[in-house]
Each structure stands twice: as structure tokens, then as C-alpha cells.
């Protein structure tokens, strides 16, 4: 009886991914493995997992990359390779924006955070990965994960130019993004 109840509970509530693997192509080449922190930001992890499972992140570019700070990607609306890169970074998914899930997890090197507009409750599909610590972001952006492998791939991603870090020319791309268990 106990096994049947446990099995039915597992079927009733879908398990969140424990992580994602991002295969990067371009100036950087390789895989970045991310441990998703479902206990810290369950709604944001659920969104990333759903977009990953649907293939929405496949072919999305790193459109904003600031040396010494972070690499931003995840614009599933306008950030697909082959699209109009002038609009990359202005889009989102077809799902509603998410309420902030701030935590005390610091923005250390390799931490993955959700990008947002001015409103704290405007994160949707875009995320960024920290090149180095950025503690000024603590408590202002939702932390969703940590890089566990592939920091050397992250470090090789093509940098953008100017204060905003816009990537000029051919940006690096998340060729495929897959859910890990």
C-alpha cells in the first residue's frame, strides 16, 4: 500500500530537473553543467526546466556578455541564431513574468541568476552566468543555479563591447540545452 501511495504522489507532482547541460558553440566550445536550485527558486527552476524540455533554449545566443561580470542569454523570442540580433535581449517566452524569489545565496563566480527588467517581478526566460562575484546583485535578482562543470567554457564565451556588453558580429550560442536528472 505504501509503495502505491508514493508512486501515485510521484505521478501527481512532476519532479523538477536537478540541472541542465548547455552545449555552447562559437568562440567557446563545450558544455556548461548547471545545478538548478529548486529549493531556492522553485517557480524559476520550473520555468527553466519547461523551456529546456520544449527545446526553446536551443539555438539561443549569448547576446550580452560583459568581461569580468556575466554572460546573458535565454531570449527565446528574439535571441535565436539567424534572427535579427538587434532585438536579442528584448524578448521573453509566451509565459507570464515570474514573481521574484530572492534568497541569501550570494552572486559568486558561476552562479546563475534570472535577468529582469526594472520590476523585480519581471523575470521570464533570460538568465545570466557570473564570471566573477557580483555581490551588489544580492537580494535584487533571483538565483536559480550554480555551474558545477564547464567554467572554462563560460570563460571562453565571446565578449561584448561597450558598457552594455552587446555582442557584435557572430555571438556564441547555446546549441542545445538538456535537462539532467
N, C-alpha and C. Protein backbone atom coordinates (compact mmCIF):
# COMPACT_ATOMS: atom_id res chain seq x y z
N UNK A 1 0.82 -1.20 0.00
CA UNK A 1 0.00 0.00 0.00
C UNK A 1 0.86 1.27 0.00
N UNK A 2 1.89 1.30 0.86
CA UNK A 2 2.77 2.47 0.96
C UNK A 2 3.42 2.78 -0.39
N UNK A 3 3.92 1.74 -1.07
CA UNK A 3 4.56 1.93 -2.36
C UNK A 3 3.60 2.51 -3.38
N UNK A 4 2.35 2.09 -3.34
CA UNK A 4 1.35 2.60 -4.29
C UNK A 4 1.07 4.07 -4.04
N UNK A 5 1.00 4.47 -2.77
CA UNK A 5 0.76 5.87 -2.43
C UNK A 5 1.94 6.73 -2.89
N UNK A 6 3.15 6.28 -2.61
CA UNK A 6 4.34 7.02 -3.02
C UNK A 6 4.38 7.13 -4.54
N UNK A 7 4.10 6.05 -5.24
CA UNK A 7 4.11 6.08 -6.70
C UNK A 7 3.07 7.04 -7.24
N UNK A 8 1.87 7.06 -6.65
CA UNK A 8 0.83 7.98 -7.13
C UNK A 8 1.20 9.43 -6.84
N UNK A 9 1.86 9.70 -5.72
CA UNK A 9 2.30 11.05 -5.42
C UNK A 9 3.36 11.50 -6.42
N UNK A 10 4.26 10.60 -6.79
CA UNK A 10 5.30 10.95 -7.74
C UNK A 10 4.71 11.26 -9.11
N UNK A 11 3.65 10.56 -9.49
CA UNK A 11 3.00 10.82 -10.76
C UNK A 11 2.20 12.11 -10.72
N UNK A 12 1.63 12.43 -9.57
CA UNK A 12 0.76 13.60 -9.44
C UNK A 12 1.54 14.91 -9.51
N UNK A 13 2.75 14.93 -8.98
CA UNK A 13 3.52 16.17 -8.98
C UNK A 13 4.83 15.94 -9.75
N UNK A 14 4.96 16.58 -10.89
CA UNK A 14 6.16 16.36 -11.70
C UNK A 14 7.42 16.82 -10.97
N UNK A 15 8.45 16.01 -11.09
CA UNK A 15 9.72 16.36 -10.46
C UNK A 15 10.40 17.45 -11.25
N UNK A 16 11.04 18.36 -10.54
CA UNK A 16 11.81 19.39 -11.20
C UNK A 16 13.16 18.81 -11.61
N UNK A 17 13.74 19.41 -12.60
CA UNK A 17 15.07 18.98 -13.03
C UNK A 17 16.07 19.27 -11.93
N UNK A 18 17.09 18.45 -11.87
CA UNK A 18 18.16 18.75 -10.93
C UNK A 18 19.20 19.63 -11.58
N UNK A 19 19.15 19.72 -12.91
CA UNK A 19 20.12 20.56 -13.59
C UNK A 19 19.88 20.63 -15.09
N UNK A 20 20.75 21.40 -15.74
CA UNK A 20 20.74 21.48 -17.19
C UNK A 20 22.17 21.41 -17.71
N UNK A 21 22.31 20.94 -18.93
CA UNK A 21 23.59 20.96 -19.63
C UNK A 21 23.43 21.84 -20.85
N UNK A 22 24.32 22.81 -20.97
CA UNK A 22 24.30 23.77 -22.07
C UNK A 22 25.49 23.48 -22.97
N UNK A 23 25.21 23.06 -24.20
CA UNK A 23 26.29 22.86 -25.17
C UNK A 23 26.49 24.17 -25.91
N UNK A 24 27.67 24.76 -25.75
CA UNK A 24 27.97 26.07 -26.31
C UNK A 24 28.80 25.89 -27.58
N UNK A 25 28.47 26.68 -28.61
CA UNK A 25 29.23 26.68 -29.86
C UNK A 25 29.57 28.12 -30.23
N UNK A 26 30.70 28.30 -30.89
CA UNK A 26 31.17 29.62 -31.30
C UNK A 26 32.62 29.76 -30.90
N UNK A 27 33.00 30.94 -30.38
CA UNK A 27 34.36 31.10 -29.87
C UNK A 27 34.59 30.14 -28.70
N UNK A 28 33.56 29.94 -27.91
CA UNK A 28 33.59 28.94 -26.85
C UNK A 28 33.02 27.65 -27.43
N UNK A 29 33.54 26.53 -26.99
CA UNK A 29 33.04 25.25 -27.47
C UNK A 29 33.12 24.25 -26.33
N UNK A 30 31.99 23.68 -25.96
CA UNK A 30 31.98 22.72 -24.87
C UNK A 30 30.67 22.76 -24.13
N UNK A 31 30.67 22.18 -22.95
CA UNK A 31 29.45 22.04 -22.16
C UNK A 31 29.58 22.72 -20.81
N UNK A 32 28.53 23.43 -20.45
CA UNK A 32 28.41 24.03 -19.12
C UNK A 32 27.31 23.27 -18.40
N UNK A 33 27.64 22.70 -17.25
CA UNK A 33 26.67 21.96 -16.46
C UNK A 33 26.23 22.83 -15.29
N UNK A 34 24.93 22.94 -15.12
CA UNK A 34 24.35 23.80 -14.08
C UNK A 34 23.50 22.96 -13.14
N UNK A 35 23.74 23.10 -11.84
CA UNK A 35 22.89 22.52 -10.82
C UNK A 35 21.79 23.54 -10.53
N UNK A 36 20.54 23.17 -10.80
CA UNK A 36 19.42 24.08 -10.54
C UNK A 36 19.01 23.98 -9.07
N UNK A 37 18.72 25.12 -8.47
CA UNK A 37 18.42 25.20 -7.03
C UNK A 37 16.91 25.31 -6.81
N UNK A 38 16.22 24.18 -7.00
CA UNK A 38 14.77 24.18 -6.88
C UNK A 38 14.28 24.51 -5.47
N UNK A 39 15.11 24.31 -4.47
CA UNK A 39 14.73 24.66 -3.10
C UNK A 39 14.84 26.17 -2.85
N UNK A 40 15.61 26.87 -3.68
CA UNK A 40 15.81 28.32 -3.54
C UNK A 40 14.81 29.11 -4.38
N UNK A 41 14.55 28.64 -5.60
CA UNK A 41 13.68 29.37 -6.53
C UNK A 41 12.83 28.39 -7.34
N UNK A 42 11.86 27.74 -6.70
CA UNK A 42 11.11 26.68 -7.39
C UNK A 42 10.36 27.14 -8.64
N UNK A 43 9.76 28.30 -8.63
CA UNK A 43 9.00 28.75 -9.81
C UNK A 43 9.93 29.05 -10.98
N UNK A 44 11.07 29.65 -10.71
CA UNK A 44 12.04 29.97 -11.76
C UNK A 44 12.68 28.70 -12.32
N UNK A 45 13.00 27.74 -11.44
CA UNK A 45 13.56 26.47 -11.90
C UNK A 45 12.53 25.72 -12.74
N UNK A 46 11.28 25.77 -12.33
CA UNK A 46 10.23 25.12 -13.12
C UNK A 46 10.15 25.75 -14.52
N UNK A 47 10.26 27.07 -14.61
CA UNK A 47 10.22 27.76 -15.91
C UNK A 47 11.40 27.34 -16.79
N UNK A 48 12.61 27.36 -16.22
CA UNK A 48 13.80 26.98 -16.99
C UNK A 48 13.68 25.52 -17.45
N UNK A 49 13.20 24.66 -16.57
CA UNK A 49 13.03 23.25 -16.92
C UNK A 49 12.03 23.09 -18.07
N UNK A 50 10.90 23.76 -17.98
CA UNK A 50 9.88 23.65 -19.04
C UNK A 50 10.40 24.18 -20.37
N UNK A 51 11.08 25.33 -20.35
CA UNK A 51 11.63 25.88 -21.60
C UNK A 51 12.71 24.97 -22.18
N UNK A 52 13.50 24.38 -21.30
CA UNK A 52 14.54 23.44 -21.76
C UNK A 52 13.90 22.22 -22.39
N UNK A 53 12.92 21.62 -21.70
CA UNK A 53 12.27 20.42 -22.21
C UNK A 53 11.57 20.66 -23.55
N UNK A 54 11.07 21.87 -23.76
CA UNK A 54 10.37 22.17 -25.02
C UNK A 54 11.35 22.50 -26.15
N UNK A 55 12.63 22.64 -25.83
CA UNK A 55 13.63 22.98 -26.85
C UNK A 55 13.73 24.47 -27.12
N UNK A 56 13.06 25.28 -26.32
CA UNK A 56 13.03 26.73 -26.56
C UNK A 56 14.41 27.38 -26.46
N UNK A 57 15.30 26.85 -25.63
CA UNK A 57 16.62 27.45 -25.47
C UNK A 57 17.61 27.03 -26.56
N UNK A 58 17.30 25.98 -27.30
CA UNK A 58 18.21 25.51 -28.35
C UNK A 58 18.37 26.58 -29.42
N UNK A 59 19.62 26.92 -29.73
CA UNK A 59 19.90 27.92 -30.76
C UNK A 59 19.81 29.36 -30.29
N UNK A 60 19.73 29.59 -28.98
CA UNK A 60 19.64 30.95 -28.44
C UNK A 60 21.05 31.46 -28.14
N UNK A 61 21.32 32.71 -28.52
CA UNK A 61 22.65 33.30 -28.40
C UNK A 61 22.91 33.91 -27.02
N UNK A 62 24.19 34.08 -26.73
CA UNK A 62 24.63 34.90 -25.60
C UNK A 62 24.71 36.32 -26.15
N UNK A 63 23.69 37.14 -25.88
CA UNK A 63 23.57 38.45 -26.52
C UNK A 63 24.25 39.58 -25.75
N UNK A 64 24.48 39.37 -24.46
CA UNK A 64 25.07 40.42 -23.62
C UNK A 64 26.14 39.77 -22.75
N UNK A 65 27.40 40.13 -23.01
CA UNK A 65 28.50 39.49 -22.31
C UNK A 65 29.48 40.58 -21.88
N UNK A 66 29.58 40.78 -20.57
CA UNK A 66 30.43 41.83 -20.02
C UNK A 66 31.61 41.19 -19.29
N UNK A 67 32.81 41.43 -19.82
CA UNK A 67 34.03 40.87 -19.26
C UNK A 67 34.12 41.19 -17.77
N UNK A 68 34.45 40.19 -16.97
CA UNK A 68 34.58 40.38 -15.53
C UNK A 68 33.27 40.43 -14.78
N UNK A 69 32.15 40.32 -15.50
CA UNK A 69 30.84 40.41 -14.86
C UNK A 69 30.00 39.17 -15.16
N UNK A 70 29.37 39.11 -16.35
CA UNK A 70 28.47 38.00 -16.63
C UNK A 70 28.22 37.82 -18.12
N UNK A 71 27.64 36.63 -18.45
CA UNK A 71 27.20 36.31 -19.81
C UNK A 71 25.69 36.07 -19.75
N UNK A 72 24.92 36.81 -20.55
CA UNK A 72 23.45 36.72 -20.52
C UNK A 72 22.93 36.07 -21.80
N UNK A 73 21.92 35.24 -21.64
CA UNK A 73 21.28 34.50 -22.72
C UNK A 73 19.82 34.23 -22.35
N UNK A 74 19.15 33.43 -23.16
CA UNK A 74 17.81 32.98 -22.80
C UNK A 74 16.65 33.73 -23.44
N UNK A 75 16.92 34.64 -24.38
CA UNK A 75 15.83 35.34 -25.06
C UNK A 75 15.26 34.39 -26.12
N UNK A 76 14.25 33.62 -25.72
CA UNK A 76 13.68 32.60 -26.61
C UNK A 76 12.79 33.21 -27.70
N UNK A 77 12.46 34.49 -27.56
CA UNK A 77 11.62 35.17 -28.55
C UNK A 77 12.45 35.77 -29.68
N UNK A 78 13.48 36.53 -29.34
CA UNK A 78 14.27 37.25 -30.36
C UNK A 78 15.74 36.83 -30.41
N UNK A 79 16.17 35.92 -29.56
CA UNK A 79 17.58 35.60 -29.47
C UNK A 79 18.03 34.36 -30.21
N UNK A 80 17.20 33.83 -31.10
CA UNK A 80 17.59 32.63 -31.85
C UNK A 80 18.63 32.99 -32.91
N UNK A 81 19.60 32.11 -33.07
CA UNK A 81 20.64 32.30 -34.08
C UNK A 81 19.97 32.42 -35.45
N UNK A 82 20.44 33.36 -36.24
CA UNK A 82 19.85 33.59 -37.56
C UNK A 82 18.77 34.65 -37.55
N UNK A 83 18.35 35.08 -36.36
CA UNK A 83 17.34 36.13 -36.26
C UNK A 83 17.97 37.52 -36.29
N UNK A 84 17.15 38.52 -36.08
CA UNK A 84 17.61 39.90 -36.04
C UNK A 84 18.27 40.16 -34.68
N UNK A 85 19.59 40.10 -34.65
CA UNK A 85 20.33 40.22 -33.39
C UNK A 85 20.17 41.59 -32.74
N UNK A 86 19.68 42.58 -33.47
CA UNK A 86 19.44 43.89 -32.85
C UNK A 86 18.32 43.81 -31.82
N UNK A 87 17.46 42.82 -31.92
CA UNK A 87 16.35 42.66 -30.96
C UNK A 87 16.67 41.68 -29.84
N UNK A 88 17.77 40.93 -29.99
CA UNK A 88 18.14 39.95 -28.97
C UNK A 88 18.28 40.64 -27.61
N UNK A 89 17.65 40.05 -26.62
CA UNK A 89 17.69 40.60 -25.27
C UNK A 89 16.44 41.38 -24.91
N UNK A 90 15.55 41.60 -25.90
CA UNK A 90 14.32 42.36 -25.63
C UNK A 90 13.10 41.46 -25.49
N UNK A 91 13.27 40.16 -25.68
CA UNK A 91 12.12 39.26 -25.67
C UNK A 91 12.06 38.37 -24.46
N UNK A 92 11.04 37.51 -24.48
CA UNK A 92 10.81 36.58 -23.38
C UNK A 92 10.06 35.36 -23.94
N UNK A 93 9.53 34.54 -23.07
CA UNK A 93 8.72 33.40 -23.51
C UNK A 93 7.27 33.85 -23.62
N UNK A 94 6.40 32.92 -24.00
CA UNK A 94 4.97 33.24 -24.07
C UNK A 94 4.27 33.04 -22.72
N UNK A 95 5.05 32.77 -21.69
CA UNK A 95 4.52 32.59 -20.34
C UNK A 95 4.56 33.92 -19.59
N UNK A 96 3.73 34.08 -18.54
CA UNK A 96 3.77 35.33 -17.78
C UNK A 96 5.07 35.49 -17.01
N UNK A 97 5.42 36.74 -16.71
CA UNK A 97 6.59 37.02 -15.89
C UNK A 97 6.43 36.38 -14.52
N UNK A 98 7.55 36.17 -13.85
CA UNK A 98 7.56 35.50 -12.56
C UNK A 98 7.80 36.48 -11.41
N UNK A 99 7.16 36.19 -10.28
CA UNK A 99 7.43 36.97 -9.06
C UNK A 99 8.82 36.63 -8.57
N UNK A 100 9.53 37.61 -8.06
CA UNK A 100 10.90 37.41 -7.56
C UNK A 100 10.92 36.35 -6.47
N UNK A 101 12.00 35.57 -6.46
CA UNK A 101 12.26 34.59 -5.40
C UNK A 101 13.67 34.88 -4.87
N UNK A 102 13.79 36.01 -4.20
CA UNK A 102 15.09 36.42 -3.68
C UNK A 102 15.51 35.49 -2.54
N UNK A 103 16.82 35.33 -2.39
CA UNK A 103 17.36 34.45 -1.35
C UNK A 103 18.64 35.06 -0.80
N UNK A 104 19.25 34.33 0.12
CA UNK A 104 20.53 34.80 0.66
C UNK A 104 21.71 34.14 -0.04
N UNK A 105 21.46 33.44 -1.16
CA UNK A 105 22.55 32.85 -1.94
C UNK A 105 23.29 33.98 -2.65
N UNK A 106 24.60 34.12 -2.41
CA UNK A 106 25.35 35.24 -2.99
C UNK A 106 25.69 35.00 -4.47
N UNK A 107 25.87 36.08 -5.18
CA UNK A 107 26.26 36.03 -6.59
C UNK A 107 27.77 35.85 -6.69
N UNK A 108 28.20 34.60 -6.51
CA UNK A 108 29.60 34.21 -6.65
C UNK A 108 29.88 33.83 -8.10
N UNK A 109 31.14 33.59 -8.42
CA UNK A 109 31.53 33.09 -9.74
C UNK A 109 30.75 31.80 -10.03
N UNK A 110 30.17 31.71 -11.23
CA UNK A 110 29.44 30.52 -11.64
C UNK A 110 27.99 30.47 -11.22
N UNK A 111 27.53 31.45 -10.46
CA UNK A 111 26.11 31.48 -10.06
C UNK A 111 25.27 31.91 -11.26
N UNK A 112 24.11 31.29 -11.39
CA UNK A 112 23.17 31.60 -12.46
C UNK A 112 22.01 32.38 -11.86
N UNK A 113 21.73 33.55 -12.43
CA UNK A 113 20.64 34.40 -11.97
C UNK A 113 19.66 34.68 -13.09
N UNK A 114 18.46 35.04 -12.73
CA UNK A 114 17.44 35.40 -13.71
C UNK A 114 17.57 36.87 -14.07
N UNK A 115 17.61 37.15 -15.37
CA UNK A 115 17.62 38.54 -15.83
C UNK A 115 16.20 39.08 -15.71
N UNK A 116 16.10 40.38 -15.56
CA UNK A 116 14.78 41.01 -15.43
C UNK A 116 14.86 42.45 -15.90
N UNK A 117 13.71 43.06 -16.04
CA UNK A 117 13.63 44.49 -16.34
C UNK A 117 13.67 45.24 -15.00
N UNK A 118 13.21 46.47 -14.98
CA UNK A 118 13.27 47.28 -13.77
C UNK A 118 12.47 46.67 -12.62
N UNK A 119 11.30 46.11 -12.92
CA UNK A 119 10.47 45.50 -11.88
C UNK A 119 11.11 44.21 -11.37
N UNK A 120 11.19 44.03 -10.05
CA UNK A 120 11.72 42.77 -9.51
C UNK A 120 10.92 41.54 -9.96
N UNK A 121 9.66 41.75 -10.31
CA UNK A 121 8.78 40.65 -10.71
C UNK A 121 8.64 40.54 -12.23
N UNK A 122 9.74 40.75 -12.96
CA UNK A 122 9.67 40.73 -14.42
C UNK A 122 10.58 39.68 -15.06
N UNK A 123 11.15 38.77 -14.28
CA UNK A 123 11.96 37.71 -14.86
C UNK A 123 11.06 36.78 -15.66
N UNK A 124 11.60 36.23 -16.76
CA UNK A 124 10.79 35.37 -17.60
C UNK A 124 11.60 34.19 -18.12
N UNK A 125 12.40 34.40 -19.15
CA UNK A 125 13.18 33.30 -19.73
C UNK A 125 14.68 33.55 -19.72
N UNK A 126 15.08 34.81 -19.66
CA UNK A 126 16.50 35.14 -19.75
C UNK A 126 17.22 34.92 -18.42
N UNK A 127 18.47 34.48 -18.55
CA UNK A 127 19.30 34.27 -17.37
C UNK A 127 20.73 34.67 -17.68
N UNK A 128 21.52 34.79 -16.63
CA UNK A 128 22.93 35.15 -16.78
C UNK A 128 23.78 34.29 -15.88
N UNK A 129 25.06 34.13 -16.28
CA UNK A 129 26.01 33.34 -15.51
C UNK A 129 27.18 34.25 -15.15
N UNK A 130 27.53 34.27 -13.90
CA UNK A 130 28.56 35.18 -13.38
C UNK A 130 29.97 34.70 -13.71
N UNK A 131 30.79 35.62 -14.28
CA UNK A 131 32.21 35.36 -14.48
C UNK A 131 32.98 35.49 -13.17
N UNK A 132 32.53 36.40 -12.32
CA UNK A 132 33.16 36.63 -11.02
C UNK A 132 32.07 37.10 -10.05
N UNK A 133 32.44 37.30 -8.80
CA UNK A 133 31.43 37.70 -7.82
C UNK A 133 30.83 39.06 -8.18
N UNK A 134 29.55 39.19 -7.86
CA UNK A 134 28.82 40.44 -8.09
C UNK A 134 27.85 40.64 -6.94
N UNK A 135 28.39 40.87 -5.75
CA UNK A 135 27.56 40.93 -4.56
C UNK A 135 26.57 42.09 -4.55
N UNK A 136 26.79 43.08 -5.40
CA UNK A 136 25.82 44.18 -5.49
C UNK A 136 24.48 43.70 -6.05
N UNK A 137 24.44 42.48 -6.62
CA UNK A 137 23.19 41.89 -7.12
C UNK A 137 22.43 41.13 -6.03
N UNK A 138 23.11 40.82 -4.92
CA UNK A 138 22.49 40.02 -3.85
C UNK A 138 21.18 40.64 -3.39
N UNK A 139 20.16 39.80 -3.29
CA UNK A 139 18.85 40.25 -2.82
C UNK A 139 18.08 41.09 -3.81
N UNK A 140 18.60 41.25 -5.04
CA UNK A 140 17.90 42.05 -6.05
C UNK A 140 17.54 41.23 -7.29
N UNK A 141 18.18 40.07 -7.43
CA UNK A 141 17.93 39.17 -8.57
C UNK A 141 17.77 37.76 -8.03
N UNK A 142 16.97 36.96 -8.70
CA UNK A 142 16.71 35.59 -8.27
C UNK A 142 17.85 34.68 -8.71
N UNK A 143 18.43 33.95 -7.76
CA UNK A 143 19.44 32.93 -8.04
C UNK A 143 18.71 31.63 -8.37
N UNK A 144 19.10 30.99 -9.49
CA UNK A 144 18.44 29.75 -9.90
C UNK A 144 19.38 28.56 -9.98
N UNK A 145 20.69 28.80 -9.96
CA UNK A 145 21.59 27.66 -10.08
C UNK A 145 23.05 28.03 -9.93
N UNK A 146 23.89 26.99 -10.08
CA UNK A 146 25.35 27.14 -9.98
C UNK A 146 26.01 26.26 -11.03
N UNK A 147 27.04 26.76 -11.68
CA UNK A 147 27.82 25.96 -12.61
C UNK A 147 28.63 24.95 -11.79
N UNK A 148 28.52 23.67 -12.17
CA UNK A 148 29.29 22.63 -11.49
C UNK A 148 30.42 22.09 -12.37
N UNK A 149 30.29 22.27 -13.68
CA UNK A 149 31.35 21.90 -14.62
C UNK A 149 31.28 22.86 -15.81
N UNK A 150 32.45 23.13 -16.39
CA UNK A 150 32.47 23.93 -17.60
C UNK A 150 32.77 25.40 -17.41
N UNK A 151 33.36 25.78 -16.29
CA UNK A 151 33.72 27.20 -16.10
C UNK A 151 34.70 27.67 -17.18
N UNK A 152 35.53 26.76 -17.67
CA UNK A 152 36.47 27.13 -18.73
C UNK A 152 35.72 27.45 -20.03
N UNK A 153 34.57 26.81 -20.26
CA UNK A 153 33.74 27.11 -21.43
C UNK A 153 33.09 28.48 -21.24
N UNK A 154 32.56 28.72 -20.04
CA UNK A 154 31.99 30.03 -19.72
C UNK A 154 33.03 31.13 -19.97
N UNK A 155 34.25 30.92 -19.48
CA UNK A 155 35.30 31.93 -19.61
C UNK A 155 35.66 32.23 -21.06
N UNK A 156 35.41 31.28 -21.96
CA UNK A 156 35.78 31.45 -23.37
C UNK A 156 34.68 32.10 -24.22
N UNK A 157 33.49 32.35 -23.65
CA UNK A 157 32.40 32.94 -24.41
C UNK A 157 32.80 34.32 -24.93
N UNK A 158 32.44 34.58 -26.19
CA UNK A 158 32.78 35.84 -26.84
C UNK A 158 32.24 37.03 -26.06
N UNK A 159 33.11 37.99 -25.78
CA UNK A 159 32.73 39.17 -25.01
C UNK A 159 32.05 40.20 -25.91
N UNK A 160 31.18 40.97 -25.27
CA UNK A 160 30.52 42.07 -25.95
C UNK A 160 31.35 43.33 -25.85
N UNK A 161 30.80 44.40 -26.39
CA UNK A 161 31.51 45.69 -26.40
C UNK A 161 30.68 46.75 -25.70
N UNK A 162 31.35 47.77 -25.25
CA UNK A 162 30.67 48.90 -24.62
C UNK A 162 30.16 48.58 -23.24
N UNK A 163 29.57 49.57 -22.63
CA UNK A 163 29.07 49.46 -21.26
C UNK A 163 27.99 48.39 -21.11
N UNK A 164 27.16 48.22 -22.15
CA UNK A 164 26.06 47.27 -22.10
C UNK A 164 26.49 45.85 -22.47
N UNK A 165 27.70 45.69 -23.03
CA UNK A 165 28.19 44.36 -23.36
C UNK A 165 27.52 43.69 -24.55
N UNK A 166 26.97 44.49 -25.47
CA UNK A 166 26.32 43.93 -26.65
C UNK A 166 27.35 43.20 -27.51
N UNK A 167 27.03 41.97 -27.91
CA UNK A 167 27.94 41.19 -28.72
C UNK A 167 27.81 41.63 -30.17
N UNK A 168 28.93 41.98 -30.78
CA UNK A 168 28.98 42.43 -32.16
C UNK A 168 29.43 41.25 -33.04
N UNK A 169 28.82 41.11 -34.21
CA UNK A 169 29.18 40.01 -35.09
C UNK A 169 28.49 38.73 -34.65
N UNK A 170 29.16 37.61 -34.89
CA UNK A 170 28.58 36.30 -34.57
C UNK A 170 28.73 35.99 -33.08
N UNK A 171 27.61 35.94 -32.34
CA UNK A 171 27.68 35.61 -30.92
C UNK A 171 27.82 34.11 -30.70
N UNK A 172 28.29 33.73 -29.54
CA UNK A 172 28.26 32.32 -29.16
C UNK A 172 26.81 31.93 -28.91
N UNK A 173 26.52 30.65 -29.03
CA UNK A 173 25.15 30.18 -28.99
C UNK A 173 25.01 28.95 -28.09
N UNK A 174 23.86 28.86 -27.43
CA UNK A 174 23.52 27.63 -26.71
C UNK A 174 22.97 26.68 -27.79
N UNK A 175 23.84 25.86 -28.31
CA UNK A 175 23.45 24.97 -29.40
C UNK A 175 22.32 24.04 -28.96
N UNK A 176 22.52 23.40 -27.83
CA UNK A 176 21.46 22.58 -27.23
C UNK A 176 21.48 22.76 -25.72
N UNK A 177 20.32 22.68 -25.13
CA UNK A 177 20.19 22.72 -23.68
C UNK A 177 19.32 21.54 -23.29
N UNK A 178 19.84 20.70 -22.39
CA UNK A 178 19.11 19.50 -21.99
C UNK A 178 18.97 19.43 -20.47
N UNK A 179 17.91 18.78 -20.03
CA UNK A 179 17.64 18.58 -18.62
C UNK A 179 18.44 17.37 -18.14
N UNK A 180 19.03 17.49 -16.95
CA UNK A 180 19.74 16.37 -16.34
C UNK A 180 18.97 15.94 -15.10
N UNK A 181 19.10 14.71 -14.78
CA UNK A 181 18.40 14.16 -13.60
C UNK A 181 19.35 13.96 -12.45
